[in-house]
Full PDB file with SEQRES, HELIX, SHEET, SSBOND, CRYST1, ORIGX, SCALE, CONECT and MASTER records, all heavy atoms in Angstrom:
SEQRES   1 A   36  GLY ALA PHE GLY VAL PHE SER LEU VAL VAL PRO SER ARG          
SEQRES   2 A   36  GLU LEU VAL ILE ALA GLN ILE ALA LEU ASP PRO LEU SER          
SEQRES   3 A   36  SER PHE GLU ASN PHE SER PRO PHE VAL ALA                      
HELIX    1 AA1 PRO A   11  ARG A   13  5                                   3    
HELIX    2 AA2 SER A   27  VAL A   35  1                                   9    
SHEET    1 AA1 2 PHE A   6  VAL A  10  0                                        
SHEET    2 AA1 2 LEU A  15  GLN A  19 -1                                        
CRYST1    1.000    1.000    1.000  90.00  90.00  90.00 P 1           1          
ORIGX1      1.000000  0.000000  0.000000        0.00000                         
ORIGX2      0.000000  1.000000  0.000000        0.00000                         
ORIGX3      0.000000  0.000000  1.000000        0.00000                         
SCALE1      1.000000  0.000000  0.000000        0.00000                         
SCALE2      0.000000  1.000000  0.000000        0.00000                         
SCALE3      0.000000  0.000000  1.000000        0.00000                         
ATOM      1  N   GLY A   1       5.868 -49.702   3.348  1.00  0.00           N  
ATOM      2  CA  GLY A   1       6.761 -49.527   4.477  1.00  0.00           C  
ATOM      3  C   GLY A   1       6.825 -50.786   5.308  1.00  0.00           C  
ATOM      4  O   GLY A   1       5.922 -51.635   5.264  1.00  0.00           O  
ATOM      5  N   ALA A   2       7.880 -50.943   6.071  1.00  0.00           N  
ATOM      6  CA  ALA A   2       8.076 -52.133   6.902  1.00  0.00           C  
ATOM      7  C   ALA A   2       6.883 -52.355   7.827  1.00  0.00           C  
ATOM      8  O   ALA A   2       6.181 -51.415   8.215  1.00  0.00           O  
ATOM      9  CB  ALA A   2       9.355 -51.984   7.725  1.00  0.00           C  
ATOM     10  N   PHE A   3       6.662 -53.608   8.165  1.00  0.00           N  
ATOM     11  CA  PHE A   3       5.666 -54.017   9.160  1.00  0.00           C  
ATOM     12  C   PHE A   3       4.229 -53.786   8.719  1.00  0.00           C  
ATOM     13  O   PHE A   3       3.333 -53.674   9.545  1.00  0.00           O  
ATOM     14  CB  PHE A   3       5.914 -53.334  10.513  1.00  0.00           C  
ATOM     15  CG  PHE A   3       7.315 -53.494  11.024  1.00  0.00           C  
ATOM     16  CD1 PHE A   3       8.140 -52.396  11.202  1.00  0.00           C  
ATOM     17  CD2 PHE A   3       7.824 -54.749  11.311  1.00  0.00           C  
ATOM     18  CE1 PHE A   3       9.438 -52.543  11.663  1.00  0.00           C  
ATOM     19  CE2 PHE A   3       9.118 -54.912  11.772  1.00  0.00           C  
ATOM     20  CZ  PHE A   3       9.935 -53.825  11.948  1.00  0.00           C  
ATOM     21  N   GLY A   4       3.995 -53.704   7.405  1.00  0.00           N  
ATOM     22  CA  GLY A   4       2.619 -53.638   6.936  1.00  0.00           C  
ATOM     23  C   GLY A   4       2.061 -52.252   6.750  1.00  0.00           C  
ATOM     24  O   GLY A   4       0.877 -52.024   7.032  1.00  0.00           O  
ATOM     25  N   VAL A   5       2.861 -51.313   6.281  1.00  0.00           N  
ATOM     26  CA  VAL A   5       2.374 -49.967   5.975  1.00  0.00           C  
ATOM     27  C   VAL A   5       2.243 -49.853   4.456  1.00  0.00           C  
ATOM     28  O   VAL A   5       3.189 -50.126   3.727  1.00  0.00           O  
ATOM     29  CB  VAL A   5       3.316 -48.888   6.522  1.00  0.00           C  
ATOM     30  CG1 VAL A   5       2.718 -47.503   6.287  1.00  0.00           C  
ATOM     31  CG2 VAL A   5       3.588 -49.102   8.001  1.00  0.00           C  
ATOM     32  N   PHE A   6       1.060 -49.437   3.998  1.00  0.00           N  
ATOM     33  CA  PHE A   6       0.807 -49.374   2.558  1.00  0.00           C  
ATOM     34  C   PHE A   6      -0.046 -48.160   2.195  1.00  0.00           C  
ATOM     35  O   PHE A   6      -0.901 -47.734   2.977  1.00  0.00           O  
ATOM     36  CB  PHE A   6       0.029 -50.616   2.082  1.00  0.00           C  
ATOM     37  CG  PHE A   6       0.750 -51.910   2.244  1.00  0.00           C  
ATOM     38  CD1 PHE A   6       0.452 -52.757   3.312  1.00  0.00           C  
ATOM     39  CD2 PHE A   6       1.707 -52.314   1.330  1.00  0.00           C  
ATOM     40  CE1 PHE A   6       1.104 -53.963   3.465  1.00  0.00           C  
ATOM     41  CE2 PHE A   6       2.369 -53.524   1.465  1.00  0.00           C  
ATOM     42  CZ  PHE A   6       2.061 -54.350   2.544  1.00  0.00           C  
ATOM     43  N   SER A   7       0.195 -47.646   1.004  1.00  0.00           N  
ATOM     44  CA  SER A   7      -0.777 -46.827   0.297  1.00  0.00           C  
ATOM     45  C   SER A   7      -0.899 -47.445  -1.085  1.00  0.00           C  
ATOM     46  O   SER A   7      -0.034 -47.261  -1.947  1.00  0.00           O  
ATOM     47  CB  SER A   7      -0.334 -45.359   0.198  1.00  0.00           C  
ATOM     48  OG  SER A   7      -1.336 -44.594  -0.454  1.00  0.00           O  
ATOM     49  N   LEU A   8      -1.957 -48.236  -1.270  1.00  0.00           N  
ATOM     50  CA  LEU A   8      -2.160 -49.014  -2.487  1.00  0.00           C  
ATOM     51  C   LEU A   8      -3.123 -48.283  -3.410  1.00  0.00           C  
ATOM     52  O   LEU A   8      -4.206 -47.866  -2.991  1.00  0.00           O  
ATOM     53  CB  LEU A   8      -2.731 -50.391  -2.134  1.00  0.00           C  
ATOM     54  CG  LEU A   8      -3.147 -51.283  -3.307  1.00  0.00           C  
ATOM     55  CD1 LEU A   8      -1.911 -51.841  -4.008  1.00  0.00           C  
ATOM     56  CD2 LEU A   8      -4.060 -52.415  -2.835  1.00  0.00           C  
ATOM     57  N   VAL A   9      -2.724 -48.131  -4.664  1.00  0.00           N  
ATOM     58  CA  VAL A   9      -3.547 -47.465  -5.676  1.00  0.00           C  
ATOM     59  C   VAL A   9      -3.941 -48.500  -6.730  1.00  0.00           C  
ATOM     60  O   VAL A   9      -3.082 -49.201  -7.267  1.00  0.00           O  
ATOM     61  CB  VAL A   9      -2.779 -46.310  -6.342  1.00  0.00           C  
ATOM     62  CG1 VAL A   9      -3.651 -45.607  -7.377  1.00  0.00           C  
ATOM     63  CG2 VAL A   9      -2.275 -45.321  -5.297  1.00  0.00           C  
ATOM     64  N   VAL A  10      -5.249 -48.602  -7.003  1.00  0.00           N  
ATOM     65  CA  VAL A  10      -5.750 -49.507  -8.042  1.00  0.00           C  
ATOM     66  C   VAL A  10      -6.503 -48.661  -9.067  1.00  0.00           C  
ATOM     67  O   VAL A  10      -7.714 -48.416  -8.929  1.00  0.00           O  
ATOM     68  CB  VAL A  10      -6.672 -50.596  -7.453  1.00  0.00           C  
ATOM     69  CG1 VAL A  10      -7.014 -51.624  -8.537  1.00  0.00           C  
ATOM     70  CG2 VAL A  10      -6.020 -51.284  -6.253  1.00  0.00           C  
ATOM     71  N   PRO A  11      -5.820 -48.175 -10.090  1.00  0.00           N  
ATOM     72  CA  PRO A  11      -6.467 -47.266 -11.049  1.00  0.00           C  
ATOM     73  C   PRO A  11      -7.705 -47.852 -11.707  1.00  0.00           C  
ATOM     74  O   PRO A  11      -8.696 -47.148 -11.907  1.00  0.00           O  
ATOM     75  CB  PRO A  11      -5.356 -46.998 -12.072  1.00  0.00           C  
ATOM     76  CG  PRO A  11      -4.085 -47.240 -11.328  1.00  0.00           C  
ATOM     77  CD  PRO A  11      -4.384 -48.358 -10.382  1.00  0.00           C  
ATOM     78  N   SER A  12      -7.690 -49.144 -12.036  1.00  0.00           N  
ATOM     79  CA  SER A  12      -8.819 -49.758 -12.736  1.00  0.00           C  
ATOM     80  C   SER A  12     -10.076 -49.813 -11.891  1.00  0.00           C  
ATOM     81  O   SER A  12     -11.185 -49.999 -12.408  1.00  0.00           O  
ATOM     82  CB  SER A  12      -8.456 -51.170 -13.200  1.00  0.00           C  
ATOM     83  OG  SER A  12      -8.136 -51.997 -12.082  1.00  0.00           O  
ATOM     84  N   ARG A  13      -9.933 -49.651 -10.571  1.00  0.00           N  
ATOM     85  CA  ARG A  13     -11.093 -49.667  -9.665  1.00  0.00           C  
ATOM     86  C   ARG A  13     -11.323 -48.315  -8.993  1.00  0.00           C  
ATOM     87  O   ARG A  13     -12.172 -48.208  -8.127  1.00  0.00           O  
ATOM     88  CB  ARG A  13     -10.919 -50.723  -8.577  1.00  0.00           C  
ATOM     89  CG  ARG A  13     -10.611 -52.140  -9.034  1.00  0.00           C  
ATOM     90  CD  ARG A  13     -11.559 -52.669 -10.103  1.00  0.00           C  
ATOM     91  NE  ARG A  13     -11.532 -54.116 -10.215  1.00  0.00           N  
ATOM     92  CZ  ARG A  13     -10.666 -54.821 -10.953  1.00  0.00           C  
ATOM     93  NH1 ARG A  13      -9.723 -54.189 -11.659  1.00  0.00           N  
ATOM     94  NH2 ARG A  13     -10.747 -56.137 -11.011  1.00  0.00           N  
ATOM     95  N   GLU A  14     -10.550 -47.288  -9.384  1.00  0.00           N  
ATOM     96  CA  GLU A  14     -10.633 -45.961  -8.745  1.00  0.00           C  
ATOM     97  C   GLU A  14     -10.543 -46.112  -7.218  1.00  0.00           C  
ATOM     98  O   GLU A  14     -11.299 -45.510  -6.466  1.00  0.00           O  
ATOM     99  CB  GLU A  14     -11.934 -45.251  -9.126  1.00  0.00           C  
ATOM    100  CG  GLU A  14     -12.072 -44.965 -10.614  1.00  0.00           C  
ATOM    101  CD  GLU A  14     -13.383 -44.265 -10.935  1.00  0.00           C  
ATOM    102  OE1 GLU A  14     -14.368 -44.973 -11.185  1.00  0.00           O  
ATOM    103  OE2 GLU A  14     -13.390 -43.013 -10.920  1.00  0.00           O  
ATOM    104  N   LEU A  15      -9.573 -46.897  -6.782  1.00  0.00           N  
ATOM    105  CA  LEU A  15      -9.499 -47.349  -5.398  1.00  0.00           C  
ATOM    106  C   LEU A  15      -8.137 -47.033  -4.789  1.00  0.00           C  
ATOM    107  O   LEU A  15      -7.099 -47.206  -5.436  1.00  0.00           O  
ATOM    108  CB  LEU A  15      -9.722 -48.869  -5.370  1.00  0.00           C  
ATOM    109  CG  LEU A  15      -9.729 -49.594  -4.029  1.00  0.00           C  
ATOM    110  CD1 LEU A  15     -10.911 -49.154  -3.177  1.00  0.00           C  
ATOM    111  CD2 LEU A  15      -9.775 -51.113  -4.270  1.00  0.00           C  
ATOM    112  N   VAL A  16      -8.163 -46.547  -3.548  1.00  0.00           N  
ATOM    113  CA  VAL A  16      -6.947 -46.365  -2.755  1.00  0.00           C  
ATOM    114  C   VAL A  16      -7.195 -46.996  -1.389  1.00  0.00           C  
ATOM    115  O   VAL A  16      -8.233 -46.754  -0.759  1.00  0.00           O  
ATOM    116  CB  VAL A  16      -6.596 -44.872  -2.577  1.00  0.00           C  
ATOM    117  CG1 VAL A  16      -5.386 -44.716  -1.653  1.00  0.00           C  
ATOM    118  CG2 VAL A  16      -6.315 -44.213  -3.917  1.00  0.00           C  
ATOM    119  N   ILE A  17      -6.256 -47.811  -0.941  1.00  0.00           N  
ATOM    120  CA  ILE A  17      -6.336 -48.425   0.384  1.00  0.00           C  
ATOM    121  C   ILE A  17      -5.068 -48.079   1.145  1.00  0.00           C  
ATOM    122  O   ILE A  17      -3.959 -48.386   0.698  1.00  0.00           O  
ATOM    123  CB  ILE A  17      -6.485 -49.956   0.299  1.00  0.00           C  
ATOM    124  CG1 ILE A  17      -7.730 -50.336  -0.507  1.00  0.00           C  
ATOM    125  CG2 ILE A  17      -6.560 -50.560   1.702  1.00  0.00           C  
ATOM    126  CD1 ILE A  17      -7.876 -51.834  -0.739  1.00  0.00           C  
ATOM    127  N   ALA A  18      -5.233 -47.430   2.287  1.00  0.00           N  
ATOM    128  CA  ALA A  18      -4.090 -47.051   3.128  1.00  0.00           C  
ATOM    129  C   ALA A  18      -4.150 -47.829   4.429  1.00  0.00           C  
ATOM    130  O   ALA A  18      -5.221 -47.999   5.015  1.00  0.00           O  
ATOM    131  CB  ALA A  18      -4.099 -45.549   3.399  1.00  0.00           C  
ATOM    132  N   GLN A  19      -2.991 -48.279   4.880  1.00  0.00           N  
ATOM    133  CA  GLN A  19      -2.920 -49.050   6.114  1.00  0.00           C  
ATOM    134  C   GLN A  19      -1.644 -48.732   6.865  1.00  0.00           C  
ATOM    135  O   GLN A  19      -0.578 -48.575   6.271  1.00  0.00           O  
ATOM    136  CB  GLN A  19      -2.947 -50.547   5.805  1.00  0.00           C  
ATOM    137  CG  GLN A  19      -2.627 -51.438   7.012  1.00  0.00           C  
ATOM    138  CD  GLN A  19      -2.652 -52.904   6.684  1.00  0.00           C  
ATOM    139  OE1 GLN A  19      -3.716 -53.464   6.411  1.00  0.00           O  
ATOM    140  NE2 GLN A  19      -1.491 -53.558   6.700  1.00  0.00           N  
ATOM    141  N   ILE A  20      -1.754 -48.659   8.194  1.00  0.00           N  
ATOM    142  CA  ILE A  20      -0.588 -48.616   9.078  1.00  0.00           C  
ATOM    143  C   ILE A  20      -0.732 -49.772  10.054  1.00  0.00           C  
ATOM    144  O   ILE A  20      -1.803 -49.989  10.626  1.00  0.00           O  
ATOM    145  CB  ILE A  20      -0.489 -47.276   9.830  1.00  0.00           C  
ATOM    146  CG1 ILE A  20      -0.395 -46.115   8.838  1.00  0.00           C  
ATOM    147  CG2 ILE A  20       0.740 -47.272  10.747  1.00  0.00           C  
ATOM    148  CD1 ILE A  20      -0.349 -44.742   9.486  1.00  0.00           C  
ATOM    149  N   ALA A  21       0.340 -50.539  10.222  1.00  0.00           N  
ATOM    150  CA  ALA A  21       0.282 -51.737  11.051  1.00  0.00           C  
ATOM    151  C   ALA A  21       1.634 -51.987  11.702  1.00  0.00           C  
ATOM    152  O   ALA A  21       2.647 -51.367  11.358  1.00  0.00           O  
ATOM    153  CB  ALA A  21      -0.125 -52.947  10.199  1.00  0.00           C  
ATOM    154  N   LEU A  22       1.641 -52.914  12.639  1.00  0.00           N  
ATOM    155  CA  LEU A  22       2.886 -53.486  13.152  1.00  0.00           C  
ATOM    156  C   LEU A  22       2.744 -54.995  12.992  1.00  0.00           C  
ATOM    157  O   LEU A  22       2.301 -55.704  13.884  1.00  0.00           O  
ATOM    158  CB  LEU A  22       3.127 -53.121  14.614  1.00  0.00           C  
ATOM    159  CG  LEU A  22       4.449 -53.668  15.177  1.00  0.00           C  
ATOM    160  CD1 LEU A  22       5.638 -52.975  14.530  1.00  0.00           C  
ATOM    161  CD2 LEU A  22       4.513 -53.528  16.680  1.00  0.00           C  
ATOM    162  N   ASP A  23       3.068 -55.449  11.816  1.00  0.00           N  
ATOM    163  CA  ASP A  23       2.793 -56.824  11.413  1.00  0.00           C  
ATOM    164  C   ASP A  23       4.081 -57.429  10.858  1.00  0.00           C  
ATOM    165  O   ASP A  23       4.218 -57.670   9.670  1.00  0.00           O  
ATOM    166  CB  ASP A  23       1.694 -56.791  10.341  1.00  0.00           C  
ATOM    167  CG  ASP A  23       1.039 -58.137  10.117  1.00  0.00           C  
ATOM    168  OD1 ASP A  23       1.363 -59.075  10.847  1.00  0.00           O  
ATOM    169  OD2 ASP A  23       0.196 -58.236   9.207  1.00  0.00           O  
ATOM    170  N   PRO A  24       5.061 -57.684  11.729  1.00  0.00           N  
ATOM    171  CA  PRO A  24       6.414 -57.967  11.248  1.00  0.00           C  
ATOM    172  C   PRO A  24       6.586 -59.282  10.513  1.00  0.00           C  
ATOM    173  O   PRO A  24       7.507 -59.431   9.713  1.00  0.00           O  
ATOM    174  CB  PRO A  24       7.252 -57.953  12.532  1.00  0.00           C  
ATOM    175  CG  PRO A  24       6.278 -58.251  13.618  1.00  0.00           C  
ATOM    176  CD  PRO A  24       4.993 -57.624  13.189  1.00  0.00           C  
ATOM    177  N   LEU A  25       5.706 -60.265  10.742  1.00  0.00           N  
ATOM    178  CA  LEU A  25       5.936 -61.581  10.158  1.00  0.00           C  
ATOM    179  C   LEU A  25       5.127 -61.834   8.887  1.00  0.00           C  
ATOM    180  O   LEU A  25       5.482 -62.685   8.093  1.00  0.00           O  
ATOM    181  CB  LEU A  25       5.614 -62.666  11.194  1.00  0.00           C  
ATOM    182  CG  LEU A  25       6.447 -62.605  12.474  1.00  0.00           C  
ATOM    183  CD1 LEU A  25       6.044 -63.728  13.413  1.00  0.00           C  
ATOM    184  CD2 LEU A  25       7.939 -62.700  12.159  1.00  0.00           C  
ATOM    185  N   SER A  26       4.027 -61.104   8.712  1.00  0.00           N  
ATOM    186  CA  SER A  26       3.172 -61.437   7.571  1.00  0.00           C  
ATOM    187  C   SER A  26       2.460 -60.212   7.018  1.00  0.00           C  
ATOM    188  O   SER A  26       1.248 -60.216   6.833  1.00  0.00           O  
ATOM    189  CB  SER A  26       2.131 -62.490   7.988  1.00  0.00           C  
ATOM    190  OG  SER A  26       1.357 -62.025   9.075  1.00  0.00           O  
ATOM    191  N   SER A  27       3.184 -59.160   6.767  1.00  0.00           N  
ATOM    192  CA  SER A  27       2.542 -57.916   6.340  1.00  0.00           C  
ATOM    193  C   SER A  27       1.791 -58.080   5.022  1.00  0.00           C  
ATOM    194  O   SER A  27       0.645 -57.656   4.899  1.00  0.00           O  
ATOM    195  CB  SER A  27       3.581 -56.804   6.234  1.00  0.00           C  
ATOM    196  OG  SER A  27       4.588 -57.151   5.310  1.00  0.00           O  
ATOM    197  N   PHE A  28       2.387 -58.717   4.020  1.00  0.00           N  
ATOM    198  CA  PHE A  28       1.717 -58.898   2.742  1.00  0.00           C  
ATOM    199  C   PHE A  28       0.638 -59.966   2.841  1.00  0.00           C  
ATOM    200  O   PHE A  28      -0.433 -59.845   2.246  1.00  0.00           O  
ATOM    201  CB  PHE A  28       2.731 -59.274   1.656  1.00  0.00           C  
ATOM    202  CG  PHE A  28       3.512 -58.109   1.137  1.00  0.00           C  
ATOM    203  CD1 PHE A  28       4.654 -57.678   1.789  1.00  0.00           C  
ATOM    204  CD2 PHE A  28       3.124 -57.439  -0.005  1.00  0.00           C  
ATOM    205  CE1 PHE A  28       5.384 -56.601   1.320  1.00  0.00           C  
ATOM    206  CE2 PHE A  28       3.845 -56.356  -0.493  1.00  0.00           C  
ATOM    207  CZ  PHE A  28       4.981 -55.931   0.173  1.00  0.00           C  
ATOM    208  N   GLU A  29       0.904 -61.021   3.608  1.00  0.00           N  
ATOM    209  CA  GLU A  29      -0.045 -62.120   3.710  1.00  0.00           C  
ATOM    210  C   GLU A  29      -1.355 -61.686   4.350  1.00  0.00           C  
ATOM    211  O   GLU A  29      -2.428 -62.165   3.983  1.00  0.00           O  
ATOM    212  CB  GLU A  29       0.570 -63.269   4.508  1.00  0.00           C  
ATOM    213  CG  GLU A  29       1.663 -64.028   3.779  1.00  0.00           C  
ATOM    214  CD  GLU A  29       3.022 -63.347   3.873  1.00  0.00           C  
ATOM    215  OE1 GLU A  29       3.086 -62.209   4.390  1.00  0.00           O  
ATOM    216  OE2 GLU A  29       4.025 -63.946   3.444  1.00  0.00           O  
ATOM    217  N   ASN A  30      -1.310 -60.790   5.306  1.00  0.00           N  
ATOM    218  CA  ASN A  30      -2.530 -60.288   5.922  1.00  0.00           C  
ATOM    219  C   ASN A  30      -3.204 -59.211   5.090  1.00  0.00           C  
ATOM    220  O   ASN A  30      -4.437 -59.112   5.072  1.00  0.00           O  
ATOM    221  CB  ASN A  30      -2.227 -59.734   7.323  1.00  0.00           C  
ATOM    222  CG  ASN A  30      -2.100 -60.819   8.356  1.00  0.00           C  
ATOM    223  OD1 ASN A  30      -2.588 -61.926   8.185  1.00  0.00           O  
ATOM    224  ND2 ASN A  30      -1.420 -60.505   9.450  1.00  0.00           N  
ATOM    225  N   PHE A  31      -2.409 -58.402   4.423  1.00  0.00           N  
ATOM    226  CA  PHE A  31      -2.958 -57.299   3.642  1.00  0.00           C  
ATOM    227  C   PHE A  31      -3.672 -57.800   2.392  1.00  0.00           C  
ATOM    228  O   PHE A  31      -4.728 -57.277   2.014  1.00  0.00           O  
ATOM    229  CB  PHE A  31      -1.833 -56.338   3.266  1.00  0.00           C  
ATOM    230  CG  PHE A  31      -2.281 -55.057   2.619  1.00  0.00           C  
ATOM    231  CD1 PHE A  31      -3.151 -54.185   3.269  1.00  0.00           C  
ATOM    232  CD2 PHE A  31      -1.808 -54.705   1.354  1.00  0.00           C  
ATOM    233  CE1 PHE A  31      -3.547 -52.993   2.674  1.00  0.00           C  
ATOM    234  CE2 PHE A  31      -2.203 -53.518   0.756  1.00  0.00           C  
ATOM    235  CZ  PHE A  31      -3.076 -52.662   1.416  1.00  0.00           C  
ATOM    236  N   SER A  32      -3.133 -58.829   1.749  1.00  0.00           N  
ATOM    237  CA  SER A  32      -3.655 -59.281   0.467  1.00  0.00           C  
ATOM    238  C   SER A  32      -5.107 -59.750   0.518  1.00  0.00           C  
ATOM    239  O   SER A  32      -5.919 -59.346  -0.336  1.00  0.00           O  
ATOM    240  CB  SER A  32      -2.764 -60.388  -0.106  1.00  0.00           C  
ATOM    241  OG  SER A  32      -3.230 -60.784  -1.376  1.00  0.00           O  
ATOM    242  N   PRO A  33      -5.523 -60.598   1.482  1.00  0.00           N  
ATOM    243  CA  PRO A  33      -6.938 -60.984   1.495  1.00  0.00           C  
ATOM    244  C   PRO A  33      -7.880 -59.817   1.758  1.00  0.00           C  
ATOM    245  O   PRO A  33      -9.009 -59.792   1.249  1.00  0.00           O  
ATOM    246  CB  PRO A  33      -7.012 -62.032   2.610  1.00  0.00           C  
ATOM    247  CG  PRO A  33      -5.778 -61.868   3.401  1.00  0.00           C  
ATOM    248  CD  PRO A  33      -4.741 -61.332   2.477  1.00  0.00           C  
ATOM    249  N   PHE A  34      -7.429 -58.851   2.525  1.00  0.00           N  
ATOM    250  CA  PHE A  34      -8.229 -57.651   2.752  1.00  0.00           C  
ATOM    251  C   PHE A  34      -8.426 -56.891   1.442  1.00  0.00           C  
ATOM    252  O   PHE A  34      -9.540 -56.479   1.099  1.00  0.00           O  
ATOM    253  CB  PHE A  34      -7.545 -56.775   3.797  1.00  0.00           C  
ATOM    254  CG  PHE A  34      -8.122 -55.402   3.942  1.00  0.00           C  
ATOM    255  CD1 PHE A  34      -9.477 -55.218   4.178  1.00  0.00           C  
ATOM    256  CD2 PHE A  34      -7.314 -54.273   3.847  1.00  0.00           C  
ATOM    257  CE1 PHE A  34     -10.016 -53.939   4.314  1.00  0.00           C  
ATOM    258  CE2 PHE A  34      -7.843 -53.001   3.979  1.00  0.00           C  
ATOM    259  CZ  PHE A  34      -9.199 -52.835   4.219  1.00  0.00           C  
ATOM    260  N   VAL A  35      -7.349 -56.717   0.696  1.00  0.00           N  
ATOM    261  CA  VAL A  35      -7.451 -56.036  -0.599  1.00  0.00           C  
ATOM    262  C   VAL A  35      -8.399 -56.796  -1.514  1.00  0.00           C  
ATOM    263  O   VAL A  35      -9.254 -56.205  -2.188  1.00  0.00           O  
ATOM    264  CB  VAL A  35      -6.057 -55.898  -1.239  1.00  0.00           C  
ATOM    265  CG1 VAL A  35      -6.176 -55.369  -2.666  1.00  0.00           C  
ATOM    266  CG2 VAL A  35      -5.166 -54.990  -0.406  1.00  0.00           C  
ATOM    267  N   ALA A  36      -8.291 -58.128  -1.530  1.00  0.00           N  
ATOM    268  CA  ALA A  36      -9.169 -58.935  -2.378  1.00  0.00           C  
ATOM    269  C   ALA A  36     -10.629 -58.737  -2.009  1.00  0.00           C  
ATOM    270  O   ALA A  36     -11.501 -58.637  -2.893  1.00  0.00           O  
ATOM    271  CB  ALA A  36      -8.784 -60.410  -2.260  1.00  0.00           C  
TER     272      ALA A  36                                                      
MASTER        0    0    0    2    2    0    0    6  271    1    0    3          
END                                                                             
């Protein structure tokens, strides 16, 4: 969803990461290092 809202599923790691944010300029850029 816009502004950094995600429900990410990683089957190979049995992992789900959910986030709600208001991050209009860098939603993927901020989310990606956290996921890593």
